[in-house]
Each structure stands twice: as C-alpha cells, then as structure tokens.
Amino acid sequence: MLRLTVVTEEGFNEATQRFVSAETFVVELEHSLVSLSKWESRFEKPFLTSKDKSPEELIAYLEMMCLTPEIPPEVFPKFSRDNLDELNKYINSRQTATWFNDRDQRPSRDVITSELIYYWMVAFNIPFECQFWHLNRLLTLIKVCNIKNTPPQKARRMNRAEAMSRQNSLNAQRRAAAKSRG
C-alpha cells in the first residue's frame, strides 16, 4: 500500500514569504487486481497494454486504487509531480525478492486482462485474498506456479558437428594438461 499526502490548496505565509499547504488529504492507494478489474469494467478495455491512457483514464485508475474512504473526486487531479513520481515508482516496483532469468524467454503477445489473471489464480489454486496484493507480486506468484508446474525440458541432443567440436575441444584441453601432442 502506498500512502501519499496530496496538497489541494496552498496559502501564503507573510512572515516567511513562502507558500504553505493550507489543505491536504492523505490518500492510501493499492495497485492490485481488484483496482485493475474495476478500471477494466468501467472502460471495457485492457489496462495492462503499452497504449497510452488519457488523463481521464489515469485519474479513474487513481480512484480505483484508492482505499481511503470518502475522498472528494477533486483531490485526484491535484496530485503533484512528486506524488505522481512516487506513484509510478510504487506501481513499477517488484514487491518481491523473487527474480527470474528471462534471457531465453520471448515476450508474450497475449493481452492480459483481469479475467485472465483470475483464471490463472483458479488454475493454480491461488486464494482469492491474493487479489488485494500488489499486482506485480501476484503476477510473480503466478509465474512461479507456472514454472514449478511445467515439467523440465529434455536436454537437446547435439548434432554431429556440435558433438565433434565438443570432442575436439576436450581433446585439446587434455593434451594441454598432459603437455603432449597426441
């Protein structure tokens, strides 16, 4: 969960000659499957795409993420650049110690929607209370379940040229170690 203080009004302090916060709201936000699902049901399109969102869509997602009750809708457009930077950092954080070696993985062309994520949760018997987790943490758990449930791949057989090259390399190493010529 992310907690942000949003300044909605500023005043001017004559004594210090500085602008000061006159009215603020503390907003608690959660980037979760629940907020994603709410946004997709409202806009009827996938959220997790590379397509840019309109300002209206982004503000709506902030509202969907909000856990704080009774925040006036005028607060969301008042997010400062620092608030938005902190929010982006939070949304993009991994929220887990698990990491993957994705060197050999091709990116998926599947469009990921909230229903697909719910399907994965059902398929892997992930409890529904995980829908309130940070979305990246939930997706990591799903990926771990997928990896652990996939049978290991059989080793690829070498073709004749690869086998001969490997054997020649081993012979060269052995000759060098034994200091012989053959």
C-alpha atoms as a PDB file:
ATOM      1  CA  MET A   1       0.000   0.000   0.000  1.00  0.00           C
ATOM      2  CA  LEU A   2       1.148   3.497  -0.802  1.00  0.00           C
ATOM      3  CA  ARG A   3       0.281   6.482   1.367  1.00  0.00           C
ATOM      4  CA  LEU A   4       0.501   9.929  -0.246  1.00  0.00           C
ATOM      5  CA  THR A   5      -0.171  13.400   1.092  1.00  0.00           C
ATOM      6  CA  VAL A   6      -1.887  15.479  -1.576  1.00  0.00           C
ATOM      7  CA  VAL A   7      -1.948  19.271  -1.251  1.00  0.00           C
ATOM      8  CA  THR A   8      -5.252  20.593  -2.560  1.00  0.00           C
ATOM      9  CA  GLU A   9      -4.872  24.241  -1.519  1.00  0.00           C
ATOM     10  CA  GLU A  10      -1.894  26.444  -0.819  1.00  0.00           C
ATOM     11  CA  GLY A  11      -1.692  29.575   1.246  1.00  0.00           C
ATOM     12  CA  PHE A  12       0.973  32.257   1.551  1.00  0.00           C
ATOM     13  CA  ASN A  13       2.785  32.831   4.839  1.00  0.00           C
ATOM     14  CA  GLU A  14       3.573  36.552   5.019  1.00  0.00           C
ATOM     15  CA  ALA A  15       6.116  36.099   7.818  1.00  0.00           C
ATOM     16  CA  THR A  16       8.271  33.574   5.958  1.00  0.00           C
ATOM     17  CA  GLN A  17       7.343  34.767   2.465  1.00  0.00           C
ATOM     18  CA  ARG A  18       6.663  31.163   1.400  1.00  0.00           C
ATOM     19  CA  PHE A  19       3.761  29.168   0.075  1.00  0.00           C
ATOM     20  CA  VAL A  20       2.450  26.652   2.596  1.00  0.00           C
ATOM     21  CA  SER A  21      -0.011  23.780   2.462  1.00  0.00           C
ATOM     22  CA  ALA A  22      -3.417  25.041   3.526  1.00  0.00           C
ATOM     23  CA  GLU A  23      -5.409  21.852   2.928  1.00  0.00           C
ATOM     24  CA  THR A  24      -4.083  18.327   2.433  1.00  0.00           C
ATOM     25  CA  PHE A  25      -5.518  14.850   2.112  1.00  0.00           C
ATOM     26  CA  VAL A  26      -3.762  11.606   2.989  1.00  0.00           C
ATOM     27  CA  VAL A  27      -4.627   9.050   0.343  1.00  0.00           C
ATOM     28  CA  GLU A  28      -3.925   5.311   0.637  1.00  0.00           C
ATOM     29  CA  LEU A  29      -3.596   3.524  -2.695  1.00  0.00           C
ATOM     30  CA  GLU A  30      -3.210  -0.124  -3.712  1.00  0.00           C
ATOM     31  CA  HIS A  31      -2.170  -1.293  -7.200  1.00  0.00           C
ATOM     32  CA  SER A  32      -3.998  -4.620  -7.152  1.00  0.00           C
ATOM     33  CA  LEU A  33      -6.049  -6.984  -9.245  1.00  0.00           C
ATOM     34  CA  VAL A  34      -9.179  -5.515  -7.657  1.00  0.00           C
ATOM     35  CA  SER A  35      -8.367  -1.976  -8.818  1.00  0.00           C
ATOM     36  CA  LEU A  36      -7.376  -3.287 -12.258  1.00  0.00           C
ATOM     37  CA  SER A  37     -10.662  -5.191 -12.526  1.00  0.00           C
ATOM     38  CA  LYS A  38     -12.717  -2.123 -11.530  1.00  0.00           C
ATOM     39  CA  TRP A  39     -10.946   0.010 -14.149  1.00  0.00           C
ATOM     40  CA  GLU A  40     -11.427  -2.580 -16.914  1.00  0.00           C
ATOM     41  CA  SER A  41     -15.116  -2.982 -16.086  1.00  0.00           C
ATOM     42  CA  ARG A  42     -15.592   0.780 -16.370  1.00  0.00           C
ATOM     43  CA  PHE A  43     -13.611   1.371 -19.586  1.00  0.00           C
ATOM     44  CA  GLU A  44     -14.172  -2.086 -21.162  1.00  0.00           C
ATOM     45  CA  LYS A  45     -10.615  -2.396 -22.425  1.00  0.00           C
ATOM     46  CA  PRO A  46      -7.399  -3.947 -21.065  1.00  0.00           C
ATOM     47  CA  PHE A  47      -5.344  -1.780 -18.710  1.00  0.00           C
ATOM     48  CA  LEU A  48      -2.047  -3.694 -18.980  1.00  0.00           C
ATOM     49  CA  THR A  49      -1.120  -2.610 -22.502  1.00  0.00           C
ATOM     50  CA  SER A  50       1.563  -0.324 -23.850  1.00  0.00           C
ATOM     51  CA  LYS A  51      -1.083   2.049 -25.215  1.00  0.00           C
ATOM     52  CA  ASP A  52      -1.172   5.460 -23.542  1.00  0.00           C
ATOM     53  CA  LYS A  53      -4.069   6.240 -21.248  1.00  0.00           C
ATOM     54  CA  SER A  54      -5.963   9.509 -21.372  1.00  0.00           C
ATOM     55  CA  PRO A  55      -5.774  11.817 -18.333  1.00  0.00           C
ATOM     56  CA  GLU A  56      -9.391  10.858 -17.543  1.00  0.00           C
ATOM     57  CA  GLU A  57      -8.457   7.142 -17.591  1.00  0.00           C
ATOM     58  CA  LEU A  58      -5.421   7.706 -15.364  1.00  0.00           C
ATOM     59  CA  ILE A  59      -7.410   9.709 -12.822  1.00  0.00           C
ATOM     60  CA  ALA A  60     -10.061   6.977 -12.882  1.00  0.00           C
ATOM     61  CA  TYR A  61      -7.372   4.396 -12.104  1.00  0.00           C
ATOM     62  CA  LEU A  62      -6.241   6.511  -9.141  1.00  0.00           C
ATOM     63  CA  GLU A  63      -9.827   6.479  -7.902  1.00  0.00           C
ATOM     64  CA  MET A  64      -9.992   2.675  -8.354  1.00  0.00           C
ATOM     65  CA  MET A  65      -6.735   2.271  -6.404  1.00  0.00           C
ATOM     66  CA  CYS A  66      -7.939   4.424  -3.516  1.00  0.00           C
ATOM     67  CA  LEU A  67      -8.525   2.632  -0.210  1.00  0.00           C
ATOM     68  CA  THR A  68      -9.239   5.803   1.770  1.00  0.00           C
ATOM     69  CA  PRO A  69     -12.993   6.289   2.190  1.00  0.00           C
ATOM     70  CA  GLU A  70     -14.769   9.494   1.196  1.00  0.00           C
ATOM     71  CA  ILE A  71     -12.008  11.276  -0.703  1.00  0.00           C
ATOM     72  CA  PRO A  72     -13.544  14.067  -2.794  1.00  0.00           C
ATOM     73  CA  PRO A  73     -13.026  13.496  -6.531  1.00  0.00           C
ATOM     74  CA  GLU A  74     -11.357  16.930  -6.823  1.00  0.00           C
ATOM     75  CA  VAL A  75      -8.348  15.578  -4.916  1.00  0.00           C
ATOM     76  CA  PHE A  76      -7.149  13.240  -7.683  1.00  0.00           C
ATOM     77  CA  PRO A  77      -6.390  15.911 -10.310  1.00  0.00           C
ATOM     78  CA  LYS A  78      -4.351  17.769  -7.622  1.00  0.00           C
ATOM     79  CA  PHE A  79      -1.614  15.095  -7.436  1.00  0.00           C
ATOM     80  CA  SER A  80       1.733  16.882  -7.662  1.00  0.00           C
ATOM     81  CA  ARG A  81       4.640  15.801  -9.870  1.00  0.00           C
ATOM     82  CA  ASP A  82       6.288  14.320  -6.736  1.00  0.00           C
ATOM     83  CA  ASN A  83       3.084  12.411  -5.895  1.00  0.00           C
ATOM     84  CA  LEU A  84       2.947  11.002  -9.430  1.00  0.00           C
ATOM     85  CA  ASP A  85       6.645  10.077  -9.402  1.00  0.00           C
ATOM     86  CA  GLU A  86       6.191   8.225  -6.118  1.00  0.00           C
ATOM     87  CA  LEU A  87       3.084   6.523  -7.504  1.00  0.00           C
ATOM     88  CA  ASN A  88       4.928   5.387 -10.659  1.00  0.00           C
ATOM     89  CA  LYS A  89       7.799   4.068  -8.558  1.00  0.00           C
ATOM     90  CA  TYR A  90       5.310   2.127  -6.436  1.00  0.00           C
ATOM     91  CA  ILE A  91       3.396   0.694  -9.422  1.00  0.00           C
ATOM     92  CA  ASN A  92       6.614  -0.393 -11.153  1.00  0.00           C
ATOM     93  CA  SER A  93       8.212  -1.914  -8.035  1.00  0.00           C
ATOM     94  CA  ARG A  94       8.580  -5.692  -7.937  1.00  0.00           C
ATOM     95  CA  GLN A  95       7.307  -6.030  -4.344  1.00  0.00           C
ATOM     96  CA  THR A  96       9.105  -9.368  -4.012  1.00  0.00           C
ATOM     97  CA  ALA A  97      12.562 -10.864  -3.588  1.00  0.00           C
ATOM     98  CA  THR A  98      11.925 -13.366  -6.383  1.00  0.00           C
ATOM     99  CA  TRP A  99      13.656 -12.735  -9.682  1.00  0.00           C
ATOM    100  CA  PHE A 100      13.746 -14.608 -12.974  1.00  0.00           C
ATOM    101  CA  ASN A 101      16.338 -15.265 -15.626  1.00  0.00           C
ATOM    102  CA  ASP A 102      14.242 -14.258 -18.628  1.00  0.00           C
ATOM    103  CA  ARG A 103      17.151 -14.323 -21.039  1.00  0.00           C
ATOM    104  CA  ASP A 104      15.682 -17.140 -23.137  1.00  0.00           C
ATOM    105  CA  GLN A 105      12.054 -16.053 -22.844  1.00  0.00           C
ATOM    106  CA  ARG A 106      10.230 -14.396 -25.705  1.00  0.00           C
ATOM    107  CA  PRO A 107       7.724 -11.744 -24.656  1.00  0.00           C
ATOM    108  CA  SER A 108       4.149 -12.965 -24.756  1.00  0.00           C
ATOM    109  CA  ARG A 109       1.772 -11.441 -27.257  1.00  0.00           C
ATOM    110  CA  ASP A 110      -1.231 -12.315 -25.095  1.00  0.00           C
ATOM    111  CA  VAL A 111      -3.383  -9.430 -23.943  1.00  0.00           C
ATOM    112  CA  ILE A 112      -3.547  -9.716 -20.172  1.00  0.00           C
ATOM    113  CA  THR A 113      -6.872  -8.758 -18.637  1.00  0.00           C
ATOM    114  CA  SER A 114      -8.156  -9.088 -15.096  1.00  0.00           C
ATOM    115  CA  GLU A 115     -10.233 -12.128 -16.098  1.00  0.00           C
ATOM    116  CA  LEU A 116      -7.138 -13.905 -17.404  1.00  0.00           C
ATOM    117  CA  ILE A 117      -5.342 -13.224 -14.126  1.00  0.00           C
ATOM    118  CA  TYR A 118      -8.348 -14.544 -12.191  1.00  0.00           C
ATOM    119  CA  TYR A 119      -8.267 -17.649 -14.406  1.00  0.00           C
ATOM    120  CA  TRP A 120      -4.603 -18.187 -13.547  1.00  0.00           C
ATOM    121  CA  MET A 121      -5.444 -17.818  -9.858  1.00  0.00           C
ATOM    122  CA  VAL A 122      -8.129 -20.506 -10.164  1.00  0.00           C
ATOM    123  CA  ALA A 123      -5.904 -22.774 -12.274  1.00  0.00           C
ATOM    124  CA  PHE A 124      -3.071 -22.615  -9.719  1.00  0.00           C
ATOM    125  CA  ASN A 125      -5.367 -22.715  -6.648  1.00  0.00           C
ATOM    126  CA  ILE A 126      -4.200 -19.286  -5.509  1.00  0.00           C
ATOM    127  CA  PRO A 127      -6.551 -17.987  -2.782  1.00  0.00           C
ATOM    128  CA  PHE A 128      -8.766 -15.079  -3.749  1.00  0.00           C
ATOM    129  CA  GLU A 129      -7.453 -12.893  -0.925  1.00  0.00           C
ATOM    130  CA  CYS A 130      -4.345 -12.507  -3.110  1.00  0.00           C
ATOM    131  CA  GLN A 131      -6.392 -10.260  -5.392  1.00  0.00           C
ATOM    132  CA  PHE A 132      -5.649  -7.496  -2.868  1.00  0.00           C
ATOM    133  CA  TRP A 133      -1.859  -7.944  -3.128  1.00  0.00           C
ATOM    134  CA  HIS A 134       0.296  -5.585  -5.145  1.00  0.00           C
ATOM    135  CA  LEU A 135      -0.320  -6.653  -8.744  1.00  0.00           C
ATOM    136  CA  ASN A 136       3.366  -7.304  -9.548  1.00  0.00           C
ATOM    137  CA  ARG A 137       3.675  -9.578  -6.528  1.00  0.00           C
ATOM    138  CA  LEU A 138       0.600 -11.556  -7.619  1.00  0.00           C
ATOM    139  CA  LEU A 139       1.928 -11.870 -11.185  1.00  0.00           C
ATOM    140  CA  THR A 140       5.247 -13.108  -9.778  1.00  0.00           C
ATOM    141  CA  LEU A 141       3.437 -15.774  -7.750  1.00  0.00           C
ATOM    142  CA  ILE A 142       1.541 -16.855 -10.876  1.00  0.00           C
ATOM    143  CA  LYS A 143       4.805 -17.066 -12.820  1.00  0.00           C
ATOM    144  CA  VAL A 144       6.411 -19.157 -10.054  1.00  0.00           C
ATOM    145  CA  CYS A 145       3.403 -21.521 -10.054  1.00  0.00           C
ATOM    146  CA  ASN A 146       3.657 -21.840 -13.826  1.00  0.00           C
ATOM    147  CA  ILE A 147       7.391 -22.615 -13.697  1.00  0.00           C
ATOM    148  CA  LYS A 148       7.008 -25.135 -10.880  1.00  0.00           C
ATOM    149  CA  ASN A 149       4.108 -26.888 -12.650  1.00  0.00           C
ATOM    150  CA  THR A 150       5.904 -27.142 -16.003  1.00  0.00           C
ATOM    151  CA  PRO A 151       7.818 -30.396 -16.487  1.00  0.00           C
ATOM    152  CA  PRO A 152      11.534 -29.887 -17.101  1.00  0.00           C
ATOM    153  CA  GLN A 153      12.565 -29.821 -20.723  1.00  0.00           C
ATOM    154  CA  LYS A 154      14.588 -32.709 -22.063  1.00  0.00           C
ATOM    155  CA  ALA A 155      18.136 -31.868 -22.953  1.00  0.00           C
ATOM    156  CA  ARG A 156      18.529 -31.094 -26.624  1.00  0.00           C
ATOM    157  CA  ARG A 157      20.614 -33.611 -28.495  1.00  0.00           C
ATOM    158  CA  MET A 158      23.729 -32.270 -30.126  1.00  0.00           C
ATOM    159  CA  ASN A 159      24.021 -32.675 -33.854  1.00  0.00           C
ATOM    160  CA  ARG A 160      27.069 -34.396 -35.303  1.00  0.00           C
ATOM    161  CA  ALA A 161      29.049 -31.178 -35.917  1.00  0.00           C
ATOM    162  CA  GLU A 162      28.438 -29.922 -32.341  1.00  0.00           C
ATOM    163  CA  ALA A 163      29.482 -33.299 -30.877  1.00  0.00           C
ATOM    164  CA  MET A 164      32.685 -33.381 -32.924  1.00  0.00           C
ATOM    165  CA  SER A 165      33.521 -29.797 -32.000  1.00  0.00           C
ATOM    166  CA  ARG A 166      32.972 -30.549 -28.301  1.00  0.00           C
ATOM    167  CA  GLN A 167      35.130 -33.682 -28.503  1.00  0.00           C
ATOM    168  CA  ASN A 168      37.939 -31.803 -30.294  1.00  0.00           C
ATOM    169  CA  SER A 169      37.825 -29.111 -27.620  1.00  0.00           C
ATOM    170  CA  LEU A 170      38.038 -31.688 -24.812  1.00  0.00           C
ATOM    171  CA  ASN A 171      40.954 -33.448 -26.565  1.00  0.00           C
ATOM    172  CA  ALA A 172      42.806 -30.137 -26.914  1.00  0.00           C
ATOM    173  CA  GLN A 173      42.314 -29.396 -23.199  1.00  0.00           C
ATOM    174  CA  ARG A 174      43.576 -32.847 -22.231  1.00  0.00           C
ATOM    175  CA  ARG A 175      46.659 -32.550 -24.495  1.00  0.00           C
ATOM    176  CA  ALA A 176      47.434 -29.163 -22.965  1.00  0.00           C
ATOM    177  CA  ALA A 177      47.035 -30.529 -19.429  1.00  0.00           C
ATOM    178  CA  ALA A 178      49.233 -33.556 -20.184  1.00  0.00           C
ATOM    179  CA  LYS A 179      51.709 -31.460 -22.216  1.00  0.00           C
ATOM    180  CA  SER A 180      51.605 -33.918 -25.087  1.00  0.00           C
ATOM    181  CA  ARG A 181      50.971 -33.692 -28.797  1.00  0.00           C
ATOM    182  CA  GLY A 182      48.589 -36.528 -29.217  1.00  0.00           C
END
